[in-house]
Amino acid sequence: MATCEVCGNDYWLAFEVRTVSGDVHTFDSFECAAHKLAPICEHCQVKIIGHGVEVSGRFFCCGHCARAVEAEQGAQIRDTVGARPA
Protein backbone atom coordinates (compact mmCIF):
# COMPACT_ATOMS: atom_id res chain seq x y z
CA MET A 1 0.00 0.00 0.00
CA ALA A 2 1.04 3.60 -0.48
CA THR A 3 0.17 6.82 1.29
CA CYS A 4 -1.40 9.76 -0.55
CA GLU A 5 0.80 12.85 -0.22
CA VAL A 6 -2.24 15.15 -0.09
CA CYS A 7 -4.68 13.53 2.33
CA GLY A 8 -2.47 10.93 4.02
CA ASN A 9 -4.78 8.00 3.21
CA ASP A 10 -2.97 4.64 3.08
CA TYR A 11 -4.73 2.99 0.15
CA TRP A 12 -4.13 -0.24 -1.76
CA LEU A 13 -5.16 1.40 -5.07
CA ALA A 14 -2.89 4.42 -4.73
CA PHE A 15 -1.05 5.43 -7.90
CA GLU A 16 2.00 7.42 -8.93
CA VAL A 17 2.18 10.40 -11.26
CA ARG A 18 5.53 11.20 -12.85
CA THR A 19 5.95 14.75 -14.12
CA VAL A 20 8.03 15.99 -17.04
CA SER A 21 10.58 17.36 -14.56
CA GLY A 22 11.04 13.86 -13.10
CA ASP A 23 9.14 14.39 -9.86
CA VAL A 24 7.12 11.42 -8.61
CA HIS A 25 3.89 11.94 -6.64
CA THR A 26 1.66 9.37 -4.93
CA PHE A 27 -2.11 9.87 -4.69
CA ASP A 28 -5.13 7.84 -3.66
CA SER A 29 -7.55 9.65 -6.00
CA PHE A 30 -7.68 11.90 -9.04
CA GLU A 31 -9.16 14.56 -6.76
CA CYS A 32 -5.99 14.66 -4.68
CA ALA A 33 -3.81 14.58 -7.81
CA ALA A 34 -5.70 17.54 -9.30
CA HIS A 35 -5.53 19.43 -6.00
CA LYS A 36 -1.74 19.08 -5.89
CA LEU A 37 -0.76 19.31 -9.57
CA ALA A 38 -3.35 21.38 -11.46
CA PRO A 39 -2.17 24.86 -12.43
CA ILE A 40 -4.11 27.86 -11.12
CA CYS A 41 -5.70 30.46 -13.41
CA GLU A 42 -3.77 33.71 -13.11
CA HIS A 43 -6.97 35.74 -13.37
CA CYS A 44 -9.72 34.02 -11.35
CA GLN A 45 -7.53 31.66 -9.29
CA VAL A 46 -9.49 28.44 -10.02
CA LYS A 47 -7.72 25.12 -10.53
CA ILE A 48 -7.39 24.39 -14.25
CA ILE A 49 -8.67 20.84 -14.59
CA GLY A 50 -9.43 21.00 -18.33
CA HIS A 51 -7.14 22.10 -21.13
CA GLY A 52 -7.14 25.81 -20.26
CA VAL A 53 -5.10 28.25 -22.34
CA GLU A 54 -1.54 29.50 -22.16
CA VAL A 55 -0.61 33.03 -23.22
CA SER A 56 2.94 34.34 -22.89
CA GLY A 57 3.83 31.51 -20.52
CA ARG A 58 0.90 32.27 -18.21
CA PHE A 59 -1.96 29.83 -17.60
CA PHE A 60 -5.66 30.69 -17.69
CA CYS A 61 -8.79 28.56 -17.32
CA CYS A 62 -10.47 30.09 -20.40
CA GLY A 63 -10.21 32.69 -23.14
CA HIS A 64 -12.17 35.22 -21.09
CA CYS A 65 -9.58 35.19 -18.32
CA ALA A 66 -6.71 35.29 -20.83
CA ARG A 67 -8.23 38.34 -22.52
CA ALA A 68 -8.77 40.07 -19.16
CA VAL A 69 -5.07 39.86 -18.28
CA GLU A 70 -3.22 39.62 -21.60
CA ALA A 71 -5.28 42.01 -23.74
CA GLU A 72 -3.19 41.99 -26.92
CA GLN A 73 -2.26 38.31 -27.16
CA GLY A 74 -5.34 37.18 -25.24
CA ALA A 75 -7.54 38.76 -27.91
CA GLN A 76 -6.50 35.93 -30.21
CA ILE A 77 -7.74 33.22 -27.81
CA ARG A 78 -11.10 31.59 -28.51
CA ASP A 79 -12.83 29.10 -26.23
CA THR A 80 -14.65 27.38 -29.10
CA VAL A 81 -13.97 26.74 -32.75
CA GLY A 82 -16.50 26.87 -35.54
CA ALA A 83 -20.10 28.00 -35.75
CA ARG A 84 -22.36 28.46 -32.77
CA PRO A 85 -25.24 26.04 -32.40
CA ALA A 86 -28.57 27.41 -33.56
PDB file of N, CA and C in Angstrom:
ATOM      1  N   MET A   1       0.845  -1.186   0.000  1.00  0.00           N
ATOM      2  CA  MET A   1       0.000   0.000   0.000  1.00  0.00           C
ATOM      3  C   MET A   1       0.885   1.243   0.000  1.00  0.00           C
ATOM      4  N   ALA A   2       0.295   2.342  -0.424  1.00  0.00           N
ATOM      5  CA  ALA A   2       1.039   3.596  -0.477  1.00  0.00           C
ATOM      6  C   ALA A   2       0.189   4.706   0.127  1.00  0.00           C
ATOM      7  N   THR A   3       0.846   5.718   0.617  1.00  0.00           N
ATOM      8  CA  THR A   3       0.172   6.821   1.289  1.00  0.00           C
ATOM      9  C   THR A   3       0.057   8.026   0.356  1.00  0.00           C
ATOM     10  N   CYS A   4      -1.152   8.575   0.264  1.00  0.00           N
ATOM     11  CA  CYS A   4      -1.398   9.763  -0.553  1.00  0.00           C
ATOM     12  C   CYS A   4      -0.684  10.962   0.072  1.00  0.00           C
ATOM     13  N   GLU A   5       0.056  11.706  -0.749  1.00  0.00           N
ATOM     14  CA  GLU A   5       0.800  12.846  -0.224  1.00  0.00           C
ATOM     15  C   GLU A   5      -0.081  14.056   0.066  1.00  0.00           C
ATOM     16  N   VAL A   6      -1.338  14.036  -0.372  1.00  0.00           N
ATOM     17  CA  VAL A   6      -2.237  15.154  -0.091  1.00  0.00           C
ATOM     18  C   VAL A   6      -3.056  14.903   1.177  1.00  0.00           C
ATOM     19  N   CYS A   7      -3.762  13.767   1.218  1.00  0.00           N
ATOM     20  CA  CYS A   7      -4.679  13.526   2.333  1.00  0.00           C
ATOM     21  C   CYS A   7      -4.146  12.544   3.379  1.00  0.00           C
ATOM     22  N   GLY A   8      -3.051  11.847   3.057  1.00  0.00           N
ATOM     23  CA  GLY A   8      -2.469  10.925   4.021  1.00  0.00           C
ATOM     24  C   GLY A   8      -3.121   9.557   4.084  1.00  0.00           C
ATOM     25  N   ASN A   9      -4.083   9.283   3.220  1.00  0.00           N
ATOM     26  CA  ASN A   9      -4.776   7.995   3.209  1.00  0.00           C
ATOM     27  C   ASN A   9      -3.822   6.900   2.731  1.00  0.00           C
ATOM     28  N   ASP A  10      -3.770   5.803   3.465  1.00  0.00           N
ATOM     29  CA  ASP A  10      -2.973   4.642   3.078  1.00  0.00           C
ATOM     30  C   ASP A  10      -3.902   3.710   2.325  1.00  0.00           C
ATOM     31  N   TYR A  11      -3.728   3.612   1.009  1.00  0.00           N
ATOM     32  CA  TYR A  11      -4.729   2.986   0.155  1.00  0.00           C
ATOM     33  C   TYR A  11      -4.083   1.986  -0.785  1.00  0.00           C
ATOM     34  N   TRP A  12      -4.687   0.819  -0.924  1.00  0.00           N
ATOM     35  CA  TRP A  12      -4.128  -0.241  -1.762  1.00  0.00           C
ATOM     36  C   TRP A  12      -4.214   0.067  -3.262  1.00  0.00           C
ATOM     37  N   LEU A  13      -5.059   1.019  -3.663  1.00  0.00           N
ATOM     38  CA  LEU A  13      -5.165   1.404  -5.072  1.00  0.00           C
ATOM     39  C   LEU A  13      -4.505   2.754  -5.367  1.00  0.00           C
ATOM     40  N   ALA A  14      -3.611   3.171  -4.490  1.00  0.00           N
ATOM     41  CA  ALA A  14      -2.890   4.425  -4.730  1.00  0.00           C
ATOM     42  C   ALA A  14      -2.084   4.295  -6.018  1.00  0.00           C
ATOM     43  N   PHE A  15      -1.778   5.430  -6.633  1.00  0.00           N
ATOM     44  CA  PHE A  15      -1.052   5.426  -7.897  1.00  0.00           C
ATOM     45  C   PHE A  15      -0.005   6.530  -7.890  1.00  0.00           C
ATOM     46  N   GLU A  16       0.955   6.418  -8.797  1.00  0.00           N
ATOM     47  CA  GLU A  16       2.003   7.419  -8.933  1.00  0.00           C
ATOM     48  C   GLU A  16       1.796   8.244 -10.194  1.00  0.00           C
ATOM     49  N   VAL A  17       2.164   9.505 -10.105  1.00  0.00           N
ATOM     50  CA  VAL A  17       2.180  10.396 -11.258  1.00  0.00           C
ATOM     51  C   VAL A  17       3.613  10.899 -11.390  1.00  0.00           C
ATOM     52  N   ARG A  18       4.175  10.728 -12.564  1.00  0.00           N
ATOM     53  CA  ARG A  18       5.530  11.200 -12.848  1.00  0.00           C
ATOM     54  C   ARG A  18       5.422  12.422 -13.757  1.00  0.00           C
ATOM     55  N   THR A  19       6.033  13.517 -13.346  1.00  0.00           N
ATOM     56  CA  THR A  19       5.952  14.750 -14.117  1.00  0.00           C
ATOM     57  C   THR A  19       7.104  14.838 -15.117  1.00  0.00           C
ATOM     58  N   VAL A  20       6.999  15.780 -16.026  1.00  0.00           N
ATOM     59  CA  VAL A  20       8.030  15.990 -17.037  1.00  0.00           C
ATOM     60  C   VAL A  20       9.376  16.300 -16.378  1.00  0.00           C
ATOM     61  N   SER A  21       9.333  16.985 -15.242  1.00  0.00           N
ATOM     62  CA  SER A  21      10.580  17.356 -14.555  1.00  0.00           C
ATOM     63  C   SER A  21      11.201  16.188 -13.804  1.00  0.00           C
ATOM     64  N   GLY A  22      10.504  15.036 -13.775  1.00  0.00           N
ATOM     65  CA  GLY A  22      11.038  13.861 -13.101  1.00  0.00           C
ATOM     66  C   GLY A  22      10.527  13.643 -11.691  1.00  0.00           C
ATOM     67  N   ASP A  23       9.714  14.562 -11.189  1.00  0.00           N
ATOM     68  CA  ASP A  23       9.141  14.389  -9.860  1.00  0.00           C
ATOM     69  C   ASP A  23       8.152  13.228  -9.871  1.00  0.00           C
ATOM     70  N   VAL A  24       8.060  12.518  -8.752  1.00  0.00           N
ATOM     71  CA  VAL A  24       7.118  11.417  -8.611  1.00  0.00           C
ATOM     72  C   VAL A  24       6.206  11.726  -7.432  1.00  0.00           C
ATOM     73  N   HIS A  25       4.887  11.660  -7.668  1.00  0.00           N
ATOM     74  CA  HIS A  25       3.892  11.944  -6.637  1.00  0.00           C
ATOM     75  C   HIS A  25       2.999  10.721  -6.457  1.00  0.00           C
ATOM     76  N   THR A  26       2.552  10.494  -5.228  1.00  0.00           N
ATOM     77  CA  THR A  26       1.662   9.373  -4.926  1.00  0.00           C
ATOM     78  C   THR A  26       0.324   9.917  -4.435  1.00  0.00           C
ATOM     79  N   PHE A  27      -0.762   9.410  -5.038  1.00  0.00           N
ATOM     80  CA  PHE A  27      -2.108   9.866  -4.690  1.00  0.00           C
ATOM     81  C   PHE A  27      -3.045   8.672  -4.539  1.00  0.00           C
ATOM     82  N   ASP A  28      -4.113   8.889  -3.794  1.00  0.00           N
ATOM     83  CA  ASP A  28      -5.133   7.844  -3.655  1.00  0.00           C
ATOM     84  C   ASP A  28      -6.351   8.127  -4.511  1.00  0.00           C
ATOM     85  N   SER A  29      -6.401   9.299  -5.160  1.00  0.00           N
ATOM     86  CA  SER A  29      -7.550   9.651  -5.997  1.00  0.00           C
ATOM     87  C   SER A  29      -7.143  10.725  -6.992  1.00  0.00           C
ATOM     88  N   PHE A  30      -7.924  10.827  -8.068  1.00  0.00           N
ATOM     89  CA  PHE A  30      -7.677  11.896  -9.038  1.00  0.00           C
ATOM     90  C   PHE A  30      -7.952  13.253  -8.407  1.00  0.00           C
ATOM     91  N   GLU A  31      -8.869  13.302  -7.456  1.00  0.00           N
ATOM     92  CA  GLU A  31      -9.160  14.557  -6.765  1.00  0.00           C
ATOM     93  C   GLU A  31      -7.915  15.099  -6.071  1.00  0.00           C
ATOM     94  N   CYS A  32      -7.205  14.227  -5.354  1.00  0.00           N
ATOM     95  CA  CYS A  32      -5.985  14.664  -4.677  1.00  0.00           C
ATOM     96  C   CYS A  32      -4.902  15.031  -5.682  1.00  0.00           C
ATOM     97  N   ALA A  33      -4.795  14.269  -6.780  1.00  0.00           N
ATOM     98  CA  ALA A  33      -3.807  14.580  -7.807  1.00  0.00           C
ATOM     99  C   ALA A  33      -4.077  15.958  -8.408  1.00  0.00           C
ATOM    100  N   ALA A  34      -5.336  16.236  -8.728  1.00  0.00           N
ATOM    101  CA  ALA A  34      -5.697  17.540  -9.297  1.00  0.00           C
ATOM    102  C   ALA A  34      -5.431  18.656  -8.302  1.00  0.00           C
ATOM    103  N   HIS A  35      -5.752  18.416  -7.038  1.00  0.00           N
ATOM    104  CA  HIS A  35      -5.534  19.427  -6.002  1.00  0.00           C
ATOM    105  C   HIS A  35      -4.053  19.813  -5.925  1.00  0.00           C
ATOM    106  N   LYS A  36      -3.181  18.838  -6.025  1.00  0.00           N
ATOM    107  CA  LYS A  36      -1.741  19.076  -5.894  1.00  0.00           C
ATOM    108  C   LYS A  36      -1.100  19.597  -7.186  1.00  0.00           C
ATOM    109  N   LEU A  37      -1.504  19.063  -8.341  1.00  0.00           N
ATOM    110  CA  LEU A  37      -0.760  19.311  -9.568  1.00  0.00           C
ATOM    111  C   LEU A  37      -1.385  20.289 -10.559  1.00  0.00           C
ATOM    112  N   ALA A  38      -2.696  20.521 -10.467  1.00  0.00           N
ATOM    113  CA  ALA A  38      -3.352  21.384 -11.458  1.00  0.00           C
ATOM    114  C   ALA A  38      -2.847  22.825 -11.339  1.00  0.00           C
ATOM    115  N   PRO A  39      -2.558  23.454 -12.479  1.00  0.00           N
ATOM    116  CA  PRO A  39      -2.171  24.862 -12.430  1.00  0.00           C
ATOM    117  C   PRO A  39      -3.360  25.722 -12.003  1.00  0.00           C
ATOM    118  N   ILE A  40      -3.069  26.937 -11.590  1.00  0.00           N
ATOM    119  CA  ILE A  40      -4.108  27.864 -11.122  1.00  0.00           C
ATOM    120  C   ILE A  40      -4.222  29.015 -12.118  1.00  0.00           C
ATOM    121  N   CYS A  41      -5.453  29.345 -12.481  1.00  0.00           N
ATOM    122  CA  CYS A  41      -5.701  30.457 -13.406  1.00  0.00           C
ATOM    123  C   CYS A  41      -5.154  31.752 -12.804  1.00  0.00           C
ATOM    124  N   GLU A  42      -4.380  32.468 -13.604  1.00  0.00           N
ATOM    125  CA  GLU A  42      -3.766  33.705 -13.109  1.00  0.00           C
ATOM    126  C   GLU A  42      -4.747  34.867 -12.995  1.00  0.00           C
ATOM    127  N   HIS A  43      -5.970  34.677 -13.492  1.00  0.00           N
ATOM    128  CA  HIS A  43      -6.970  35.741 -13.370  1.00  0.00           C
ATOM    129  C   HIS A  43      -7.967  35.446 -12.253  1.00  0.00           C
ATOM    130  N   CYS A  44      -8.639  34.302 -12.323  1.00  0.00           N
ATOM    131  CA  CYS A  44      -9.715  34.021 -11.349  1.00  0.00           C
ATOM    132  C   CYS A  44      -9.304  33.054 -10.240  1.00  0.00           C
ATOM    133  N   GLN A  45      -8.109  32.504 -10.328  1.00  0.00           N
ATOM    134  CA  GLN A  45      -7.531  31.655  -9.289  1.00  0.00           C
ATOM    135  C   GLN A  45      -8.163  30.276  -9.136  1.00  0.00           C
ATOM    136  N   VAL A  46      -8.937  29.799 -10.112  1.00  0.00           N
ATOM    137  CA  VAL A  46      -9.491  28.442 -10.016  1.00  0.00           C
ATOM    138  C   VAL A  46      -8.453  27.436 -10.506  1.00  0.00           C
ATOM    139  N   LYS A  47      -8.578  26.195 -10.042  1.00  0.00           N
ATOM    140  CA  LYS A  47      -7.719  25.117 -10.528  1.00  0.00           C
ATOM    141  C   LYS A  47      -8.102  24.816 -11.973  1.00  0.00           C
ATOM    142  N   ILE A  48      -7.128  24.679 -12.844  1.00  0.00           N
ATOM    143  CA  ILE A  48      -7.387  24.390 -14.248  1.00  0.00           C
ATOM    144  C   ILE A  48      -7.365  22.881 -14.428  1.00  0.00           C
ATOM    145  N   ILE A  49      -8.540  22.281 -14.465  1.00  0.00           N
ATOM    146  CA  ILE A  49      -8.672  20.836 -14.590  1.00  0.00           C
ATOM    147  C   ILE A  49      -8.745  20.435 -16.066  1.00  0.00           C
ATOM    148  N   GLY A  50      -9.339  21.258 -16.895  1.00  0.00           N
ATOM    149  CA  GLY A  50      -9.430  20.997 -18.333  1.00  0.00           C
ATOM    150  C   GLY A  50      -8.179  21.461 -19.044  1.00  0.00           C
ATOM    151  N   HIS A  51      -8.306  21.711 -20.334  1.00  0.00           N
ATOM    152  CA  HIS A  51      -7.145  22.098 -21.131  1.00  0.00           C
ATOM    153  C   HIS A  51      -6.658  23.502 -20.841  1.00  0.00           C
ATOM    154  N   GLY A  52      -7.544  24.434 -20.515  1.00  0.00           N
ATOM    155  CA  GLY A  52      -7.141  25.807 -20.262  1.00  0.00           C
ATOM    156  C   GLY A  52      -6.457  26.427 -21.469  1.00  0.00           C
ATOM    157  N   VAL A  53      -5.859  27.581 -21.278  1.00  0.00           N
ATOM    158  CA  VAL A  53      -5.099  28.245 -22.337  1.00  0.00           C
ATOM    159  C   VAL A  53      -3.816  28.818 -21.739  1.00  0.00           C
ATOM    160  N   GLU A  54      -2.812  28.917 -22.581  1.00  0.00           N
ATOM    161  CA  GLU A  54      -1.536  29.501 -22.164  1.00  0.00           C
ATOM    162  C   GLU A  54      -1.240  30.685 -23.076  1.00  0.00           C
ATOM    163  N   VAL A  55      -0.952  31.824 -22.474  1.00  0.00           N
ATOM    164  CA  VAL A  55      -0.610  33.026 -23.217  1.00  0.00           C
ATOM    165  C   VAL A  55       0.644  33.611 -22.574  1.00  0.00           C
ATOM    166  N   SER A  56       1.674  33.766 -23.370  1.00  0.00           N
ATOM    167  CA  SER A  56       2.940  34.341 -22.894  1.00  0.00           C
ATOM    168  C   SER A  56       3.478  33.612 -21.663  1.00  0.00           C
ATOM    169  N   GLY A  57       3.331  32.294 -21.645  1.00  0.00           N
ATOM    170  CA  GLY A  57       3.833  31.506 -20.525  1.00  0.00           C
ATOM    171  C   GLY A  57       2.982  31.562 -19.273  1.00  0.00           C
ATOM    172  N   ARG A  58       1.812  32.157 -19.355  1.00  0.00           N
ATOM    173  CA  ARG A  58       0.896  32.267 -18.215  1.00  0.00           C
ATOM    174  C   ARG A  58      -0.321  31.391 -18.489  1.00  0.00           C
ATOM    175  N   PHE A  59      -0.857  30.755 -17.448  1.00  0.00           N
ATOM    176  CA  PHE A  59      -1.963  29.826 -17.601  1.00  0.00           C
ATOM    177  C   PHE A  59      -3.281  30.446 -17.155  1.00  0.00           C
ATOM    178  N   PHE A  60      -4.319  30.194 -17.968  1.00  0.00           N
ATOM    179  CA  PHE A  60      -5.661  30.693 -17.689  1.00  0.00           C
ATOM    180  C   PHE A  60      -6.659  29.568 -17.899  1.00  0.00           C
ATOM    181  N   CYS A  61      -7.779  29.621 -17.194  1.00  0.00           N
ATOM    182  CA  CYS A  61      -8.786  28.564 -17.318  1.00  0.00           C
ATOM    183  C   CYS A  61      -9.589  28.686 -18.607  1.00  0.00           C
ATOM    184  N   CYS A  62      -9.654  29.886 -19.202  1.00  0.00           N
ATOM    185  CA  CYS A  62     -10.471  30.091 -20.398  1.00  0.00           C
ATOM    186  C   CYS A  62     -10.000  31.344 -21.142  1.00  0.00           C
ATOM    187  N   GLY A  63     -10.544  31.524 -22.336  1.00  0.00           N
ATOM    188  CA  GLY A  63     -10.213  32.690 -23.139  1.00  0.00           C
ATOM    189  C   GLY A  63     -10.605  33.995 -22.475  1.00  0.00           C
ATOM    190  N   HIS A  64     -11.716  34.006 -21.773  1.00  0.00           N
ATOM    191  CA  HIS A  64     -12.172  35.224 -21.091  1.00  0.00           C
ATOM    192  C   HIS A  64     -11.121  35.715 -20.102  1.00  0.00           C
ATOM    193  N   CYS A  65     -10.601  34.805 -19.296  1.00  0.00           N
ATOM    194  CA  CYS A  65      -9.577  35.194 -18.315  1.00  0.00           C
ATOM    195  C   CYS A  65      -8.286  35.611 -19.004  1.00  0.00           C
ATOM    196  N   ALA A  66      -7.921  34.922 -20.078  1.00  0.00           N
ATOM    197  CA  ALA A  66      -6.715  35.292 -20.827  1.00  0.00           C
ATOM    198  C   ALA A  66      -6.846  36.697 -21.393  1.00  0.00           C
ATOM    199  N   ARG A  67      -8.011  37.010 -21.944  1.00  0.00           N
ATOM    200  CA  ARG A  67      -8.228  38.342 -22.516  1.00  0.00           C
ATOM    201  C   ARG A  67      -8.238  39.427 -21.440  1.00  0.00           C
ATOM    202  N   ALA A  68      -8.707  39.095 -20.243  1.00  0.00           N
ATOM    203  CA  ALA A  68      -8.766  40.071 -19.157  1.00  0.00           C
ATOM    204  C   ALA A  68      -7.373  40.484 -18.689  1.00  0.00           C
ATOM    205  N   VAL A  69      -6.413  39.579 -18.779  1.00  0.00           N
ATOM    206  CA  VAL A  69      -5.070  39.856 -18.276  1.00  0.00           C
ATOM    207  C   VAL A  69      -4.077  40.182 -19.389  1.00  0.00           C
ATOM    208  N   GLU A  70      -4.143  39.451 -20.473  1.00  0.00           N
ATOM    209  CA  GLU A  70      -3.219  39.615 -21.600  1.00  0.00           C
ATOM    210  C   GLU A  70      -3.996  40.162 -22.794  1.00  0.00           C
ATOM    211  N   ALA A  71      -4.365  41.423 -22.756  1.00  0.00           N
ATOM    212  CA  ALA A  71      -5.283  42.007 -23.740  1.00  0.00           C
ATOM    213  C   ALA A  71      -4.850  41.772 -25.184  1.00  0.00           C
ATOM    214  N   GLU A  72      -3.615  42.087 -25.525  1.00  0.00           N
ATOM    215  CA  GLU A  72      -3.192  41.994 -26.923  1.00  0.00           C
ATOM    216  C   GLU A  72      -3.131  40.548 -27.401  1.00  0.00           C
ATOM    217  N   GLN A  73      -2.367  39.705 -26.742  1.00  0.00           N
ATOM    218  CA  GLN A  73      -2.262  38.310 -27.161  1.00  0.00           C
ATOM    219  C   GLN A  73      -3.503  37.515 -26.770  1.00  0.00           C
ATOM    220  N   GLY A  74      -4.125  37.866 -25.669  1.00  0.00           N
ATOM    221  CA  GLY A  74      -5.339  37.183 -25.238  1.00  0.00           C
ATOM    222  C   GLY A  74      -6.494  37.383 -26.194  1.00  0.00           C
ATOM    223  N   ALA A  75      -6.470  38.482 -26.942  1.00  0.00           N
ATOM    224  CA  ALA A  75      -7.535  38.762 -27.905  1.00  0.00           C
ATOM    225  C   ALA A  75      -7.612  37.691 -28.983  1.00  0.00           C
ATOM    226  N   GLN A  76      -6.531  36.974 -29.195  1.00  0.00           N
ATOM    227  CA  GLN A  76      -6.497  35.931 -30.207  1.00  0.00           C
ATOM    228  C   GLN A  76      -7.050  34.599 -29.699  1.00  0.00           C
ATOM    229  N   ILE A  77      -7.278  34.472 -28.407  1.00  0.00           N
ATOM    230  CA  ILE A  77      -7.738  33.216 -27.810  1.00  0.00           C
ATOM    231  C   ILE A  77      -9.243  33.083 -27.962  1.00  0.00           C
ATOM    232  N   ARG A  78      -9.675  31.905 -28.390  1.00  0.00           N
ATOM    233  CA  ARG A  78     -11.098  31.594 -28.506  1.00  0.00           C
ATOM    234  C   ARG A  78     -11.371  30.311 -27.731  1.00  0.00           C
ATOM    235  N   ASP A  79     -12.473  30.280 -27.012  1.00  0.00           N
ATOM    236  CA  ASP A  79     -12.827  29.095 -26.232  1.00  0.00           C
ATOM    237  C   ASP A  79     -13.459  28.005 -27.087  1.00  0.00           C
ATOM    238  N   THR A  80     -14.020  28.357 -28.219  1.00  0.00           N
ATOM    239  CA  THR A  80     -14.650  27.377 -29.104  1.00  0.00           C
ATOM    240  C   THR A  80     -14.217  27.634 -30.523  1.00  0.00           C
ATOM    241  N   VAL A  81     -14.341  26.624 -31.342  1.00  0.00           N
ATOM    242  CA  VAL A  81     -13.970  26.743 -32.749  1.00  0.00           C
ATOM    243  C   VAL A  81     -15.190  26.421 -33.588  1.00  0.00           C
ATOM    244  N   GLY A  82     -15.400  27.175 -34.636  1.00  0.00           N
ATOM    245  CA  GLY A  82     -16.498  26.875 -35.535  1.00  0.00           C
ATOM    246  C   GLY A  82     -17.747  27.688 -35.233  1.00  0.00           C
ATOM    247  N   ALA A  83     -18.820  27.275 -35.857  1.00  0.00           N
ATOM    248  CA  ALA A  83     -20.097  27.996 -35.753  1.00  0.00           C
ATOM    249  C   ALA A  83     -20.782  27.702 -34.425  1.00  0.00           C
ATOM    250  N   ARG A  84     -21.537  28.654 -33.974  1.00  0.00           N
ATOM    251  CA  ARG A  84     -22.358  28.464 -32.772  1.00  0.00           C
ATOM    252  C   ARG A  84     -23.568  27.613 -33.105  1.00  0.00           C
ATOM    253  N   PRO A  85     -24.015  26.816 -32.146  1.00  0.00           N
ATOM    254  CA  PRO A  85     -25.237  26.040 -32.397  1.00  0.00           C
ATOM    255  C   PRO A  85     -26.442  26.970 -32.537  1.00  0.00           C
ATOM    256  N   ALA A  86     -27.389  26.590 -33.334  1.00  0.00           N
ATOM    257  CA  ALA A  86     -28.571  27.410 -33.564  1.00  0.00           C
ATOM    258  C   ALA A  86     -29.535  27.361 -32.391  1.00  0.00           C
TER     259      ALA A  86
END
